[in-house]
Amino acid sequence: MSKLRDDNLLRKDIILADDDADEVLIFETALQELKYQHTLRHAVNGDALFVLLKHKIPYILFLDIHMPCKDGVACITEIRKNREYDNLPVIIYTSNHAPKIVDECFAQGANFYLQKGYTLQILTENLKKIFSIEWNGLMHYPPRENFILH
């Protein structure tokens, strides 16, 4: 098997659902800083997200709360109701720090709550923590006090 094919097998498929192009660029920059082998697919809203999910279930999903068509809370609710997505890690990636939204995402089955608005270095460190988890083996649901990544 060629090296190119081996590298493609090691790449992790990631979906980022976020309607803010600047945030997508920041996220991609953080992934590049990690030198993480990935393919990043992007959905600009909740409806587009479900089109991507039907095409291929990713290794991990990063989901913004504030999106047009279908917001992040509606998306996580729909994802957790569908058994096809039982093994899909969903990381909320948002600038919304409202306790009510955090609690709702936790209750609906999100795996972590990653807050936007910090430095690129903090985002990179948080992504490093997230990617250090072996998601293929066992879904990770931290206790509520460890749910928010700062």
C-alpha atoms as a PDB file:
ATOM      1  CA  MET A   1       0.000   0.000   0.000  1.00  0.00           C
ATOM      2  CA  SER A   2       1.372   3.419  -0.867  1.00  0.00           C
ATOM      3  CA  LYS A   3       2.255   5.966   1.795  1.00  0.00           C
ATOM      4  CA  LEU A   4      -0.456   8.292   0.469  1.00  0.00           C
ATOM      5  CA  ARG A   5      -3.098   5.642   1.009  1.00  0.00           C
ATOM      6  CA  ASP A   6      -1.739   4.893   4.518  1.00  0.00           C
ATOM      7  CA  ASP A   7      -1.931   8.590   5.424  1.00  0.00           C
ATOM      8  CA  ASN A   8      -5.516   8.781   4.194  1.00  0.00           C
ATOM      9  CA  LEU A   9      -6.456   5.834   6.399  1.00  0.00           C
ATOM     10  CA  LEU A  10      -5.030   7.661   9.435  1.00  0.00           C
ATOM     11  CA  ARG A  11      -6.946  10.869   8.722  1.00  0.00           C
ATOM     12  CA  LYS A  12      -9.895  11.534  11.001  1.00  0.00           C
ATOM     13  CA  ASP A  13     -13.051  12.872   9.426  1.00  0.00           C
ATOM     14  CA  ILE A  14     -14.286  15.907  11.354  1.00  0.00           C
ATOM     15  CA  ILE A  15     -17.408  17.968  10.825  1.00  0.00           C
ATOM     16  CA  LEU A  16     -17.626  21.537  12.083  1.00  0.00           C
ATOM     17  CA  ALA A  17     -21.161  22.936  11.994  1.00  0.00           C
ATOM     18  CA  ASP A  18     -20.790  26.710  12.274  1.00  0.00           C
ATOM     19  CA  ASP A  19     -22.159  29.555  10.188  1.00  0.00           C
ATOM     20  CA  ASP A  20     -19.269  31.945  10.997  1.00  0.00           C
ATOM     21  CA  ALA A  21     -16.519  31.708   8.367  1.00  0.00           C
ATOM     22  CA  ASP A  22     -13.984  33.358  10.697  1.00  0.00           C
ATOM     23  CA  GLU A  23     -14.595  30.726  13.367  1.00  0.00           C
ATOM     24  CA  VAL A  24     -14.121  27.968  10.788  1.00  0.00           C
ATOM     25  CA  LEU A  25     -10.769  29.494   9.824  1.00  0.00           C
ATOM     26  CA  ILE A  26      -9.671  29.733  13.480  1.00  0.00           C
ATOM     27  CA  PHE A  27     -10.710  26.117  14.072  1.00  0.00           C
ATOM     28  CA  GLU A  28      -8.812  24.914  10.986  1.00  0.00           C
ATOM     29  CA  THR A  29      -5.746  26.891  12.090  1.00  0.00           C
ATOM     30  CA  ALA A  30      -5.858  25.179  15.502  1.00  0.00           C
ATOM     31  CA  LEU A  31      -6.058  21.762  13.829  1.00  0.00           C
ATOM     32  CA  GLN A  32      -3.052  22.647  11.675  1.00  0.00           C
ATOM     33  CA  GLU A  33      -1.126  23.785  14.779  1.00  0.00           C
ATOM     34  CA  LEU A  34      -1.681  20.303  16.216  1.00  0.00           C
ATOM     35  CA  LYS A  35      -0.491  18.723  12.977  1.00  0.00           C
ATOM     36  CA  TYR A  36      -3.533  16.490  13.362  1.00  0.00           C
ATOM     37  CA  GLN A  37      -4.219  14.317  10.309  1.00  0.00           C
ATOM     38  CA  HIS A  38      -7.764  15.251   9.433  1.00  0.00           C
ATOM     39  CA  THR A  39     -10.327  16.002   6.814  1.00  0.00           C
ATOM     40  CA  LEU A  40     -12.555  18.883   7.867  1.00  0.00           C
ATOM     41  CA  ARG A  41     -16.045  19.052   6.443  1.00  0.00           C
ATOM     42  CA  HIS A  42     -18.096  22.158   7.141  1.00  0.00           C
ATOM     43  CA  ALA A  43     -21.838  22.710   7.519  1.00  0.00           C
ATOM     44  CA  VAL A  44     -23.134  26.287   7.530  1.00  0.00           C
ATOM     45  CA  ASN A  45     -26.374  25.387   9.324  1.00  0.00           C
ATOM     46  CA  GLY A  46     -28.221  22.537  10.983  1.00  0.00           C
ATOM     47  CA  ASP A  47     -29.964  21.404   7.816  1.00  0.00           C
ATOM     48  CA  ALA A  48     -26.655  21.189   5.935  1.00  0.00           C
ATOM     49  CA  LEU A  49     -25.216  19.227   8.873  1.00  0.00           C
ATOM     50  CA  PHE A  50     -27.752  16.430   8.461  1.00  0.00           C
ATOM     51  CA  VAL A  51     -27.004  16.229   4.737  1.00  0.00           C
ATOM     52  CA  LEU A  52     -23.313  15.692   5.611  1.00  0.00           C
ATOM     53  CA  LEU A  53     -24.195  13.138   8.298  1.00  0.00           C
ATOM     54  CA  LYS A  54     -26.268  11.119   5.818  1.00  0.00           C
ATOM     55  CA  HIS A  55     -23.290  11.039   3.448  1.00  0.00           C
ATOM     56  CA  LYS A  56     -20.802   9.854   6.087  1.00  0.00           C
ATOM     57  CA  ILE A  57     -20.786   9.779   9.884  1.00  0.00           C
ATOM     58  CA  PRO A  58     -17.618  11.560  11.039  1.00  0.00           C
ATOM     59  CA  TYR A  59     -15.127  10.567  13.693  1.00  0.00           C
ATOM     60  CA  ILE A  60     -16.237  13.625  15.700  1.00  0.00           C
ATOM     61  CA  LEU A  61     -18.662  16.544  15.350  1.00  0.00           C
ATOM     62  CA  PHE A  62     -18.117  20.098  16.589  1.00  0.00           C
ATOM     63  CA  LEU A  63     -21.433  21.912  16.798  1.00  0.00           C
ATOM     64  CA  ASP A  64     -22.173  25.621  17.219  1.00  0.00           C
ATOM     65  CA  ILE A  65     -25.317  26.626  19.099  1.00  0.00           C
ATOM     66  CA  HIS A  66     -26.328  29.693  17.065  1.00  0.00           C
ATOM     67  CA  MET A  67     -26.947  28.658  13.461  1.00  0.00           C
ATOM     68  CA  PRO A  68     -29.696  29.393  10.966  1.00  0.00           C
ATOM     69  CA  CYS A  69     -32.333  26.831   9.941  1.00  0.00           C
ATOM     70  CA  LYS A  70     -31.753  24.491  12.868  1.00  0.00           C
ATOM     71  CA  ASP A  71     -29.760  25.566  15.921  1.00  0.00           C
ATOM     72  CA  GLY A  72     -27.244  23.445  17.800  1.00  0.00           C
ATOM     73  CA  VAL A  73     -29.612  22.440  20.593  1.00  0.00           C
ATOM     74  CA  ALA A  74     -32.130  21.138  18.052  1.00  0.00           C
ATOM     75  CA  CYS A  75     -29.308  19.298  16.251  1.00  0.00           C
ATOM     76  CA  ILE A  76     -27.947  17.567  19.363  1.00  0.00           C
ATOM     77  CA  THR A  77     -31.490  16.591  20.354  1.00  0.00           C
ATOM     78  CA  GLU A  78     -32.132  15.055  16.931  1.00  0.00           C
ATOM     79  CA  ILE A  79     -28.737  13.331  16.847  1.00  0.00           C
ATOM     80  CA  ARG A  80     -29.213  11.682  20.243  1.00  0.00           C
ATOM     81  CA  LYS A  81     -32.691  10.450  19.261  1.00  0.00           C
ATOM     82  CA  ASN A  82     -31.248   8.607  16.251  1.00  0.00           C
ATOM     83  CA  ARG A  83     -29.580   5.274  17.084  1.00  0.00           C
ATOM     84  CA  GLU A  84     -27.448   5.557  13.933  1.00  0.00           C
ATOM     85  CA  TYR A  85     -25.452   8.279  15.713  1.00  0.00           C
ATOM     86  CA  ASP A  86     -25.026   6.511  19.076  1.00  0.00           C
ATOM     87  CA  ASN A  87     -21.232   6.412  18.701  1.00  0.00           C
ATOM     88  CA  LEU A  88     -20.838   9.966  17.380  1.00  0.00           C
ATOM     89  CA  PRO A  89     -19.005  12.276  19.796  1.00  0.00           C
ATOM     90  CA  VAL A  90     -20.625  15.711  19.752  1.00  0.00           C
ATOM     91  CA  ILE A  91     -18.642  18.639  21.081  1.00  0.00           C
ATOM     92  CA  ILE A  92     -20.565  21.878  21.475  1.00  0.00           C
ATOM     93  CA  TYR A  93     -18.355  24.686  20.129  1.00  0.00           C
ATOM     94  CA  THR A  94     -19.930  28.029  20.908  1.00  0.00           C
ATOM     95  CA  SER A  95     -19.553  31.532  22.277  1.00  0.00           C
ATOM     96  CA  ASN A  96     -22.781  31.124  24.262  1.00  0.00           C
ATOM     97  CA  HIS A  97     -21.845  30.711  27.916  1.00  0.00           C
ATOM     98  CA  ALA A  98     -25.388  30.883  29.317  1.00  0.00           C
ATOM     99  CA  PRO A  99     -25.818  28.288  32.095  1.00  0.00           C
ATOM    100  CA  LYS A 100     -29.283  27.338  30.761  1.00  0.00           C
ATOM    101  CA  ILE A 101     -27.819  26.422  27.338  1.00  0.00           C
ATOM    102  CA  VAL A 102     -24.885  24.553  28.913  1.00  0.00           C
ATOM    103  CA  ASP A 103     -27.300  22.553  31.077  1.00  0.00           C
ATOM    104  CA  GLU A 104     -29.552  21.796  28.099  1.00  0.00           C
ATOM    105  CA  CYS A 105     -26.638  20.565  25.980  1.00  0.00           C
ATOM    106  CA  PHE A 106     -25.408  18.403  28.858  1.00  0.00           C
ATOM    107  CA  ALA A 107     -28.902  16.945  29.356  1.00  0.00           C
ATOM    108  CA  GLN A 108     -29.284  16.253  25.618  1.00  0.00           C
ATOM    109  CA  GLY A 109     -26.099  14.178  25.527  1.00  0.00           C
ATOM    110  CA  ALA A 110     -23.305  16.414  24.263  1.00  0.00           C
ATOM    111  CA  ASN A 111     -19.883  15.057  25.191  1.00  0.00           C
ATOM    112  CA  PHE A 112     -18.159  18.363  25.971  1.00  0.00           C
ATOM    113  CA  TYR A 113     -18.876  22.085  25.850  1.00  0.00           C
ATOM    114  CA  LEU A 114     -15.984  23.948  24.230  1.00  0.00           C
ATOM    115  CA  GLN A 115     -16.220  27.708  24.586  1.00  0.00           C
ATOM    116  CA  LYS A 116     -15.125  30.046  21.802  1.00  0.00           C
ATOM    117  CA  GLY A 117     -13.503  33.368  22.406  1.00  0.00           C
ATOM    118  CA  TYR A 118     -10.265  32.299  23.986  1.00  0.00           C
ATOM    119  CA  THR A 119      -6.842  32.381  22.368  1.00  0.00           C
ATOM    120  CA  LEU A 120      -5.737  30.091  19.573  1.00  0.00           C
ATOM    121  CA  GLN A 121      -3.359  28.472  22.056  1.00  0.00           C
ATOM    122  CA  ILE A 122      -6.217  27.606  24.458  1.00  0.00           C
ATOM    123  CA  LEU A 123      -8.327  26.254  21.597  1.00  0.00           C
ATOM    124  CA  THR A 124      -5.377  24.138  20.455  1.00  0.00           C
ATOM    125  CA  GLU A 125      -4.849  22.776  23.984  1.00  0.00           C
ATOM    126  CA  ASN A 126      -8.542  21.922  24.316  1.00  0.00           C
ATOM    127  CA  LEU A 127      -8.548  20.176  20.939  1.00  0.00           C
ATOM    128  CA  LYS A 128      -5.497  18.213  22.056  1.00  0.00           C
ATOM    129  CA  LYS A 129      -7.479  17.025  25.131  1.00  0.00           C
ATOM    130  CA  ILE A 130     -10.469  16.081  22.992  1.00  0.00           C
ATOM    131  CA  PHE A 131      -8.388  14.172  20.452  1.00  0.00           C
ATOM    132  CA  SER A 132      -6.486  12.316  23.176  1.00  0.00           C
ATOM    133  CA  ILE A 133      -9.689  10.433  23.995  1.00  0.00           C
ATOM    134  CA  GLU A 134     -10.094   7.103  22.182  1.00  0.00           C
ATOM    135  CA  TRP A 135     -13.597   7.799  20.891  1.00  0.00           C
ATOM    136  CA  ASN A 136     -13.826   4.591  18.866  1.00  0.00           C
ATOM    137  CA  GLY A 137     -13.696   2.435  21.976  1.00  0.00           C
ATOM    138  CA  LEU A 138     -16.078   4.068  24.403  1.00  0.00           C
ATOM    139  CA  MET A 139     -18.113   7.243  24.410  1.00  0.00           C
ATOM    140  CA  HIS A 140     -16.865   9.680  27.031  1.00  0.00           C
ATOM    141  CA  TYR A 141     -19.414  11.620  29.076  1.00  0.00           C
ATOM    142  CA  PRO A 142     -17.677  13.634  31.779  1.00  0.00           C
ATOM    143  CA  PRO A 143     -19.452  14.633  34.980  1.00  0.00           C
ATOM    144  CA  ARG A 144     -21.175  18.025  34.785  1.00  0.00           C
ATOM    145  CA  GLU A 145     -18.303  19.775  36.602  1.00  0.00           C
ATOM    146  CA  ASN A 146     -15.854  18.660  33.842  1.00  0.00           C
ATOM    147  CA  PHE A 147     -18.240  19.192  30.911  1.00  0.00           C
ATOM    148  CA  ILE A 148     -17.078  22.737  30.034  1.00  0.00           C
ATOM    149  CA  LEU A 149     -13.610  23.075  28.538  1.00  0.00           C
ATOM    150  CA  HIS A 150     -11.960  26.427  29.266  1.00  0.00           C
END
